[in-house]
C-alpha atoms as a PDB file:
ATOM      1  CA  MET A   1      89.885 152.155  85.489  1.00  0.00           C
ATOM      2  CA  LEU A   2      87.296 148.707  84.895  1.00  0.00           C
ATOM      3  CA  LYS A   3      89.519 147.642  87.908  1.00  0.00           C
ATOM      4  CA  LEU A   4      88.658 150.338  90.422  1.00  0.00           C
ATOM      5  CA  ILE A   5      84.774 150.166  89.053  1.00  0.00           C
ATOM      6  CA  ARG A   6      84.934 146.357  89.855  1.00  0.00           C
ATOM      7  CA  LYS A   7      85.941 146.946  93.367  1.00  0.00           C
ATOM      8  CA  ARG A   8      83.756 149.687  94.169  1.00  0.00           C
ATOM      9  CA  TRP A   9      80.813 147.690  93.175  1.00  0.00           C
ATOM     10  CA  ALA A  10      82.015 144.242  95.416  1.00  0.00           C
ATOM     11  CA  ARG A  11      82.145 146.618  98.574  1.00  0.00           C
ATOM     12  CA  ALA A  12      78.729 148.121  97.550  1.00  0.00           C
ATOM     13  CA  ALA A  13      76.759 144.577  96.684  1.00  0.00           C
ATOM     14  CA  PRO A  14      74.886 142.882  99.946  1.00  0.00           C
ATOM     15  CA  ALA A  15      76.307 140.571 101.416  1.00  0.00           C
ATOM     16  CA  PRO A  16      74.157 136.544 100.704  1.00  0.00           C
ATOM     17  CA  PHE A  17      71.200 135.691 102.314  1.00  0.00           C
ATOM     18  CA  PRO A  18      72.371 132.676 104.781  1.00  0.00           C
ATOM     19  CA  ALA A  19      70.028 130.185 103.952  1.00  0.00           C
ATOM     20  CA  PRO A  20      66.326 129.364 105.615  1.00  0.00           C
ATOM     21  CA  SER A  21      67.307 127.073 108.318  1.00  0.00           C
ATOM     22  CA  HIS A  22      65.889 125.645 112.020  1.00  0.00           C
ATOM     23  CA  PRO A  23      65.706 122.597 114.057  1.00  0.00           C
ATOM     24  CA  ASP A  24      63.022 121.094 113.860  1.00  0.00           C
ATOM     25  CA  GLY A  25      63.186 118.916 110.384  1.00  0.00           C
ATOM     26  CA  VAL A  26      60.447 120.239 108.490  1.00  0.00           C
ATOM     27  CA  ILE A  27      58.625 122.912 109.232  1.00  0.00           C
ATOM     28  CA  TYR A  28      55.399 123.965 106.707  1.00  0.00           C
ATOM     29  CA  ALA A  29      54.066 127.689 107.235  1.00  0.00           C
ATOM     30  CA  VAL A  30      50.580 128.150 105.659  1.00  0.00           C
ATOM     31  CA  GLY A  31      48.722 131.798 104.370  1.00  0.00           C
ATOM     32  CA  ASP A  32      45.950 132.988 105.417  1.00  0.00           C
ATOM     33  CA  VAL A  33      42.700 130.532 104.942  1.00  0.00           C
ATOM     34  CA  HIS A  34      39.610 133.319 105.538  1.00  0.00           C
ATOM     35  CA  GLY A  35      36.827 130.782 106.160  1.00  0.00           C
ATOM     36  CA  ARG A  36      38.374 128.532 103.106  1.00  0.00           C
ATOM     37  CA  HIS A  37      37.574 124.898 104.711  1.00  0.00           C
ATOM     38  CA  ASP A  38      37.874 123.577 101.636  1.00  0.00           C
ATOM     39  CA  LEU A  39      40.456 124.606 100.431  1.00  0.00           C
ATOM     40  CA  LEU A  40      42.451 123.903 104.175  1.00  0.00           C
ATOM     41  CA  THR A  41      41.264 120.573 103.801  1.00  0.00           C
ATOM     42  CA  ARG A  42      42.949 119.419 100.570  1.00  0.00           C
ATOM     43  CA  LEU A  43      46.520 121.265 101.643  1.00  0.00           C
ATOM     44  CA  LEU A  44      46.487 119.799 105.205  1.00  0.00           C
ATOM     45  CA  GLU A  45      45.677 116.210 102.387  1.00  0.00           C
ATOM     46  CA  ARG A  46      49.122 117.703 100.224  1.00  0.00           C
ATOM     47  CA  ILE A  47      51.498 118.417 103.580  1.00  0.00           C
ATOM     48  CA  PHE A  48      50.818 114.795 104.883  1.00  0.00           C
ATOM     49  CA  GLU A  49      51.599 113.491 101.770  1.00  0.00           C
ATOM     50  CA  ASP A  50      54.228 115.181 101.732  1.00  0.00           C
ATOM     51  CA  ALA A  51      55.899 114.993 104.694  1.00  0.00           C
ATOM     52  CA  ALA A  52      55.546 111.199 104.912  1.00  0.00           C
ATOM     53  CA  ALA A  53      59.257 111.594 102.264  1.00  0.00           C
ATOM     54  CA  PHE A  54      60.891 112.587 105.020  1.00  0.00           C
ATOM     55  CA  GLU A  55      60.119 109.781 108.036  1.00  0.00           C
ATOM     56  CA  THR A  56      59.409 112.299 110.716  1.00  0.00           C
ATOM     57  CA  THR A  57      56.451 113.947 112.241  1.00  0.00           C
ATOM     58  CA  PRO A  58      55.683 117.569 110.784  1.00  0.00           C
ATOM     59  CA  LYS A  59      55.414 121.386 112.348  1.00  0.00           C
ATOM     60  CA  ILE A  60      52.928 122.855 110.805  1.00  0.00           C
ATOM     61  CA  VAL A  61      52.228 126.684 111.553  1.00  0.00           C
ATOM     62  CA  PHE A  62      49.664 128.631 110.614  1.00  0.00           C
ATOM     63  CA  LEU A  63      50.187 132.171 110.289  1.00  0.00           C
ATOM     64  CA  GLY A  64      46.825 133.362 110.803  1.00  0.00           C
ATOM     65  CA  ASP A  65      43.273 135.046 109.372  1.00  0.00           C
ATOM     66  CA  TYR A  66      41.273 131.669 109.794  1.00  0.00           C
ATOM     67  CA  ILE A  67      38.241 134.000 109.739  1.00  0.00           C
ATOM     68  CA  ASP A  68      36.616 136.402 107.785  1.00  0.00           C
ATOM     69  CA  ARG A  69      35.871 137.163 104.154  1.00  0.00           C
ATOM     70  CA  GLY A  70      35.352 133.376 103.443  1.00  0.00           C
ATOM     71  CA  GLU A  71      31.861 131.643 104.497  1.00  0.00           C
ATOM     72  CA  HIS A  72      32.666 128.786 106.705  1.00  0.00           C
ATOM     73  CA  ALA A  73      34.752 130.509 109.308  1.00  0.00           C
ATOM     74  CA  ARG A  74      33.119 128.077 111.978  1.00  0.00           C
ATOM     75  CA  ASP A  75      34.012 124.912 110.029  1.00  0.00           C
ATOM     76  CA  THR A  76      37.957 126.429 109.917  1.00  0.00           C
ATOM     77  CA  ILE A  77      37.842 127.081 113.294  1.00  0.00           C
ATOM     78  CA  GLU A  78      36.505 123.146 114.112  1.00  0.00           C
ATOM     79  CA  ALA A  79      39.171 121.469 111.462  1.00  0.00           C
ATOM     80  CA  LEU A  80      42.033 123.576 112.999  1.00  0.00           C
ATOM     81  CA  ILE A  81      41.104 122.624 116.751  1.00  0.00           C
ATOM     82  CA  GLU A  82      40.678 118.742 116.113  1.00  0.00           C
ATOM     83  CA  LEU A  83      44.318 118.932 114.050  1.00  0.00           C
ATOM     84  CA  ALA A  84      45.754 120.100 117.320  1.00  0.00           C
ATOM     85  CA  ARG A  85      44.386 117.079 118.954  1.00  0.00           C
ATOM     86  CA  ARG A  86      45.800 115.036 116.283  1.00  0.00           C
ATOM     87  CA  PRO A  87      49.623 113.244 116.869  1.00  0.00           C
ATOM     88  CA  GLU A  88      51.188 112.732 113.537  1.00  0.00           C
ATOM     89  CA  ALA A  89      52.060 116.605 113.652  1.00  0.00           C
ATOM     90  CA  GLU A  90      53.208 119.209 115.704  1.00  0.00           C
ATOM     91  CA  THR A  91      50.747 122.351 115.696  1.00  0.00           C
ATOM     92  CA  VAL A  92      51.416 125.980 115.977  1.00  0.00           C
ATOM     93  CA  PHE A  93      48.717 128.484 115.607  1.00  0.00           C
ATOM     94  CA  LEU A  94      49.321 132.501 115.382  1.00  0.00           C
ATOM     95  CA  MET A  95      47.154 135.582 115.195  1.00  0.00           C
ATOM     96  CA  GLY A  96      46.147 137.230 112.301  1.00  0.00           C
ATOM     97  CA  ASN A  97      44.615 140.826 112.417  1.00  0.00           C
ATOM     98  CA  HIS A  98      41.289 139.629 111.631  1.00  0.00           C
ATOM     99  CA  GLU A  99      41.107 137.451 115.001  1.00  0.00           C
ATOM    100  CA  HIS A 100      42.178 140.929 116.340  1.00  0.00           C
ATOM    101  CA  MET A 101      39.533 142.412 115.436  1.00  0.00           C
ATOM    102  CA  LEU A 102      37.096 139.996 116.541  1.00  0.00           C
ATOM    103  CA  LEU A 103      38.468 140.316 120.126  1.00  0.00           C
ATOM    104  CA  ARG A 104      38.501 143.978 119.829  1.00  0.00           C
ATOM    105  CA  PHE A 105      34.860 144.028 118.757  1.00  0.00           C
ATOM    106  CA  LEU A 106      34.147 141.745 122.075  1.00  0.00           C
ATOM    107  CA  ARG A 107      36.240 143.763 124.484  1.00  0.00           C
ATOM    108  CA  ASP A 108      34.204 146.754 123.252  1.00  0.00           C
ATOM    109  CA  PRO A 109      31.527 146.196 120.781  1.00  0.00           C
ATOM    110  CA  ALA A 110      30.837 150.047 119.574  1.00  0.00           C
ATOM    111  CA  ALA A 111      34.460 150.660 119.116  1.00  0.00           C
ATOM    112  CA  GLY A 112      34.994 147.245 117.503  1.00  0.00           C
ATOM    113  CA  LEU A 113      32.526 147.538 114.632  1.00  0.00           C
ATOM    114  CA  GLY A 114      34.757 148.178 111.763  1.00  0.00           C
ATOM    115  CA  TRP A 115      35.344 144.704 112.267  1.00  0.00           C
ATOM    116  CA  LEU A 116      32.138 144.076 110.349  1.00  0.00           C
ATOM    117  CA  ARG A 117      33.160 145.754 107.581  1.00  0.00           C
ATOM    118  CA  TYR A 118      36.789 143.752 106.951  1.00  0.00           C
ATOM    119  CA  GLY A 119      34.777 140.050 106.371  1.00  0.00           C
ATOM    120  CA  GLY A 120      33.500 140.110 109.946  1.00  0.00           C
ATOM    121  CA  LEU A 121      29.381 140.037 108.578  1.00  0.00           C
ATOM    122  CA  GLN A 122      30.827 136.419 106.730  1.00  0.00           C
ATOM    123  CA  THR A 123      32.039 134.844 110.562  1.00  0.00           C
ATOM    124  CA  LEU A 124      28.712 136.294 112.282  1.00  0.00           C
ATOM    125  CA  MET A 125      26.628 134.548 109.149  1.00  0.00           C
ATOM    126  CA  SER A 126      29.181 131.580 109.773  1.00  0.00           C
ATOM    127  CA  TYR A 127      28.254 131.056 113.249  1.00  0.00           C
ATOM    128  CA  GLY A 128      24.437 131.321 112.939  1.00  0.00           C
ATOM    129  CA  VAL A 129      24.323 134.839 114.677  1.00  0.00           C
ATOM    130  CA  GLY A 130      22.099 137.374 112.186  1.00  0.00           C
ATOM    131  CA  GLY A 131      20.084 140.702 113.580  1.00  0.00           C
ATOM    132  CA  VAL A 132      23.102 142.674 112.009  1.00  0.00           C
ATOM    133  CA  GLY A 133      20.568 145.276 110.203  1.00  0.00           C
ATOM    134  CA  LYS A 134      19.161 146.024 113.548  1.00  0.00           C
ATOM    135  CA  LEU A 135      23.236 147.818 115.188  1.00  0.00           C
ATOM    136  CA  ARG A 136      21.732 151.200 114.727  1.00  0.00           C
ATOM    137  CA  ALA A 137      19.623 150.343 117.603  1.00  0.00           C
ATOM    138  CA  GLU A 138      20.809 151.335 121.299  1.00  0.00           C
ATOM    139  CA  GLY A 139      22.453 148.447 122.861  1.00  0.00           C
ATOM    140  CA  GLU A 140      22.365 146.063 119.939  1.00  0.00           C
ATOM    141  CA  ALA A 141      25.799 146.142 119.363  1.00  0.00           C
ATOM    142  CA  LEU A 142      25.898 144.418 122.938  1.00  0.00           C
ATOM    143  CA  ARG A 143      23.234 141.810 121.882  1.00  0.00           C
ATOM    144  CA  LEU A 144      25.501 140.856 118.923  1.00  0.00           C
ATOM    145  CA  ARG A 145      28.777 140.540 120.986  1.00  0.00           C
ATOM    146  CA  GLY A 146      26.656 137.915 123.440  1.00  0.00           C
ATOM    147  CA  ALA A 147      25.345 136.332 120.785  1.00  0.00           C
ATOM    148  CA  LEU A 148      28.835 135.899 119.356  1.00  0.00           C
ATOM    149  CA  ILE A 149      30.574 135.180 122.183  1.00  0.00           C
ATOM    150  CA  GLU A 150      27.492 132.082 123.058  1.00  0.00           C
ATOM    151  CA  ALA A 151      27.958 130.668 119.630  1.00  0.00           C
ATOM    152  CA  LEU A 152      31.770 131.105 119.506  1.00  0.00           C
ATOM    153  CA  GLY A 153      31.980 128.476 122.778  1.00  0.00           C
ATOM    154  CA  PRO A 154      35.320 126.913 122.986  1.00  0.00           C
ATOM    155  CA  HIS A 155      36.370 128.232 119.580  1.00  0.00           C
ATOM    156  CA  LEU A 156      36.767 131.425 121.490  1.00  0.00           C
ATOM    157  CA  GLY A 157      39.673 129.617 123.758  1.00  0.00           C
ATOM    158  CA  PHE A 158      41.075 128.760 121.107  1.00  0.00           C
ATOM    159  CA  ILE A 159      41.668 132.540 119.437  1.00  0.00           C
ATOM    160  CA  GLU A 160      42.279 134.315 122.659  1.00  0.00           C
ATOM    161  CA  LYS A 161      44.990 131.310 123.261  1.00  0.00           C
ATOM    162  CA  LEU A 162      46.802 132.481 119.579  1.00  0.00           C
ATOM    163  CA  ARG A 163      50.633 133.495 119.751  1.00  0.00           C
ATOM    164  CA  VAL A 164      51.746 136.372 117.864  1.00  0.00           C
ATOM    165  CA  SER A 165      55.395 135.037 116.600  1.00  0.00           C
ATOM    166  CA  HIS A 166      56.646 131.728 116.487  1.00  0.00           C
ATOM    167  CA  HIS A 167      60.544 132.003 116.333  1.00  0.00           C
ATOM    168  CA  ALA A 168      62.516 128.853 114.882  1.00  0.00           C
ATOM    169  CA  GLY A 169      66.713 128.683 114.145  1.00  0.00           C
ATOM    170  CA  ASN A 170      66.535 131.548 111.559  1.00  0.00           C
ATOM    171  CA  LEU A 171      63.121 131.641 110.815  1.00  0.00           C
ATOM    172  CA  LEU A 172      60.611 133.974 112.032  1.00  0.00           C
ATOM    173  CA  PHE A 173      56.762 133.157 112.072  1.00  0.00           C
ATOM    174  CA  ALA A 174      54.663 135.894 112.172  1.00  0.00           C
ATOM    175  CA  HIS A 175      51.506 136.897 110.363  1.00  0.00           C
ATOM    176  CA  ALA A 176      52.117 140.663 108.868  1.00  0.00           C
ATOM    177  CA  GLY A 177      55.985 140.198 109.090  1.00  0.00           C
ATOM    178  CA  ALA A 178      58.283 142.410 111.458  1.00  0.00           C
ATOM    179  CA  ASP A 179      60.296 145.812 111.885  1.00  0.00           C
ATOM    180  CA  PRO A 180      63.775 145.028 109.686  1.00  0.00           C
ATOM    181  CA  ALA A 181      65.010 148.089 112.092  1.00  0.00           C
ATOM    182  CA  LEU A 182      64.769 145.954 115.439  1.00  0.00           C
ATOM    183  CA  PRO A 183      65.649 142.933 116.546  1.00  0.00           C
ATOM    184  CA  ILE A 184      63.644 140.007 116.241  1.00  0.00           C
ATOM    185  CA  ASP A 185      63.087 139.721 120.538  1.00  0.00           C
ATOM    186  CA  GLU A 186      62.102 143.171 119.651  1.00  0.00           C
ATOM    187  CA  GLN A 187      59.019 143.770 118.053  1.00  0.00           C
ATOM    188  CA  GLU A 188      55.872 145.204 118.713  1.00  0.00           C
ATOM    189  CA  ILE A 189      52.973 142.884 118.432  1.00  0.00           C
ATOM    190  CA  ALA A 190      51.076 145.581 116.179  1.00  0.00           C
ATOM    191  CA  THR A 191      53.670 145.330 113.808  1.00  0.00           C
ATOM    192  CA  LEU A 192      53.843 141.555 113.730  1.00  0.00           C
ATOM    193  CA  LEU A 193      49.838 141.556 113.579  1.00  0.00           C
ATOM    194  CA  TRP A 194      49.369 144.577 110.722  1.00  0.00           C
ATOM    195  CA  GLY A 195      52.664 145.029 109.525  1.00  0.00           C
ATOM    196  CA  CYS A 196      54.842 148.511 108.782  1.00  0.00           C
ATOM    197  CA  LYS A 197      55.869 149.808 105.364  1.00  0.00           C
ATOM    198  CA  SER A 198      59.719 148.960 105.547  1.00  0.00           C
ATOM    199  CA  PHE A 199      58.938 145.609 105.844  1.00  0.00           C
ATOM    200  CA  ARG A 200      58.773 144.401 101.987  1.00  0.00           C
ATOM    201  CA  THR A 201      61.384 147.243 100.731  1.00  0.00           C
ATOM    202  CA  THR A 202      64.296 146.689 103.391  1.00  0.00           C
ATOM    203  CA  ASP A 203      65.876 143.979 104.358  1.00  0.00           C
ATOM    204  CA  ARG A 204      66.994 142.667 107.368  1.00  0.00           C
ATOM    205  CA  ASP A 205      70.914 142.661 108.292  1.00  0.00           C
ATOM    206  CA  ASP A 206      70.816 140.055 111.072  1.00  0.00           C
ATOM    207  CA  GLY A 207      70.471 136.578 108.706  1.00  0.00           C
ATOM    208  CA  PHE A 208      66.364 136.094 109.276  1.00  0.00           C
ATOM    209  CA  TRP A 209      64.249 135.044 107.263  1.00  0.00           C
ATOM    210  CA  VAL A 210      60.818 136.256 107.746  1.00  0.00           C
ATOM    211  CA  VAL A 211      57.360 133.342 107.250  1.00  0.00           C
ATOM    212  CA  HIS A 212      54.397 135.879 106.427  1.00  0.00           C
ATOM    213  CA  GLY A 213      51.467 136.037 105.294  1.00  0.00           C
ATOM    214  CA  HIS A 214      48.890 139.013 105.313  1.00  0.00           C
ATOM    215  CA  PHE A 215      50.261 140.971 102.247  1.00  0.00           C
ATOM    216  CA  VAL A 216      48.236 139.209  99.211  1.00  0.00           C
ATOM    217  CA  VAL A 217      50.287 138.118  96.118  1.00  0.00           C
ATOM    218  CA  GLU A 218      50.112 136.662  92.970  1.00  0.00           C
ATOM    219  CA  ARG A 219      53.245 134.169  93.358  1.00  0.00           C
ATOM    220  CA  PRO A 220      54.106 132.967  96.244  1.00  0.00           C
ATOM    221  CA  ALA A 221      57.916 133.527  97.383  1.00  0.00           C
ATOM    222  CA  ALA A 222      61.603 133.215  99.225  1.00  0.00           C
ATOM    223  CA  GLU A 223      63.818 135.807  98.592  1.00  0.00           C
ATOM    224  CA  ARG A 224      65.939 138.350 100.530  1.00  0.00           C
ATOM    225  CA  GLY A 225      65.171 137.524 103.977  1.00  0.00           C
ATOM    226  CA  ARG A 226      61.144 137.121 103.520  1.00  0.00           C
ATOM    227  CA  ILE A 227      59.024 134.303 102.500  1.00  0.00           C
ATOM    228  CA  ALA A 228      55.574 135.236 101.348  1.00  0.00           C
ATOM    229  CA  VAL A 229      52.848 132.260 101.387  1.00  0.00           C
ATOM    230  CA  ASP A 230      49.158 134.363 101.391  1.00  0.00           C
ATOM    231  CA  THR A 231      47.819 134.163  98.055  1.00  0.00           C
ATOM    232  CA  GLY A 232      44.735 135.294  98.198  1.00  0.00           C
ATOM    233  CA  ALA A 233      42.557 132.070  99.286  1.00  0.00           C
ATOM    234  CA  TYR A 234      39.133 133.185  99.804  1.00  0.00           C
ATOM    235  CA  PHE A 235      38.585 135.112  96.327  1.00  0.00           C
ATOM    236  CA  SER A 236      41.615 133.396  93.758  1.00  0.00           C
ATOM    237  CA  ASP A 237      41.033 129.629  95.161  1.00  0.00           C
ATOM    238  CA  ARG A 238      44.274 128.899  96.014  1.00  0.00           C
ATOM    239  CA  LEU A 239      45.559 128.234  99.545  1.00  0.00           C
ATOM    240  CA  THR A 240      49.443 128.447 100.043  1.00  0.00           C
ATOM    241  CA  ALA A 241      51.811 126.220 102.347  1.00  0.00           C
ATOM    242  CA  ALA A 242      55.835 126.825 102.496  1.00  0.00           C
ATOM    243  CA  ARG A 243      57.975 124.189 103.083  1.00  0.00           C
ATOM    244  CA  ILE A 244      60.790 125.303 104.888  1.00  0.00           C
ATOM    245  CA  ALA A 245      63.225 121.845 105.259  1.00  0.00           C
ATOM    246  CA  GLY A 246      67.488 121.360 104.924  1.00  0.00           C
ATOM    247  CA  GLY A 247      68.074 125.053 103.836  1.00  0.00           C
ATOM    248  CA  GLU A 248      65.334 125.017 100.573  1.00  0.00           C
ATOM    249  CA  VAL A 249      61.650 126.273 100.299  1.00  0.00           C
ATOM    250  CA  ILE A 250      58.968 124.546  98.460  1.00  0.00           C
ATOM    251  CA  PHE A 251      55.859 125.665  98.095  1.00  0.00           C
ATOM    252  CA  LEU A 252      52.578 123.625  97.865  1.00  0.00           C
ATOM    253  CA  GLU A 253      48.855 124.494  96.810  1.00  0.00           C
ATOM    254  CA  GLY A 254      45.484 123.229  98.029  1.00  0.00           C
END
């Protein structure tokens, strides 16, 4: 009887996940910054110190949500643009749902005003755009849109060019994860930016690891095909990156 139970358990046990692997040497994934330029600066210093041990140019994938909630969105975007110009790292910048909300506001100010309730006010202040208290006045949303476009300057081009995902080896990088019921190359943009209910409860069966932010966790984790790195920087004072190399995941904090 005991042997029969063991055989049934063996058949029911899930297959082990393959190690996360990719062809890019050492790769880092940075969680949601949300305007914490100070934490971003410290974390980048740690990443470059860590990468020096590998004697190779690191690739850094940023998982989106650079703006809103924190008070220094402008400085954060400027730092990322400057980083992209530096030769000592390759960079990939993904879009988060907060950048998506900003762009929606710019396309349709009246429909996109909800963005202000989710941290957009801090972003406006960071760019020196005021007058939000007059939004009930006719045409004020359009005025605010124009002022923000002018204040963003070249930062708007950076935001507009953000990608929704990045794929390397058996890793998928996306702000809010991926639908476990769909192949990696058939994911919907809304899922990549906003998530889906089954992502954190249903394991993938294709061997892919999904590296994501969006969902705040107390501790970063790499388990069952998911690597979570959003540690709530804007309120926790902890910005986290995952270093993925040699089949291992190590977490760094800024």
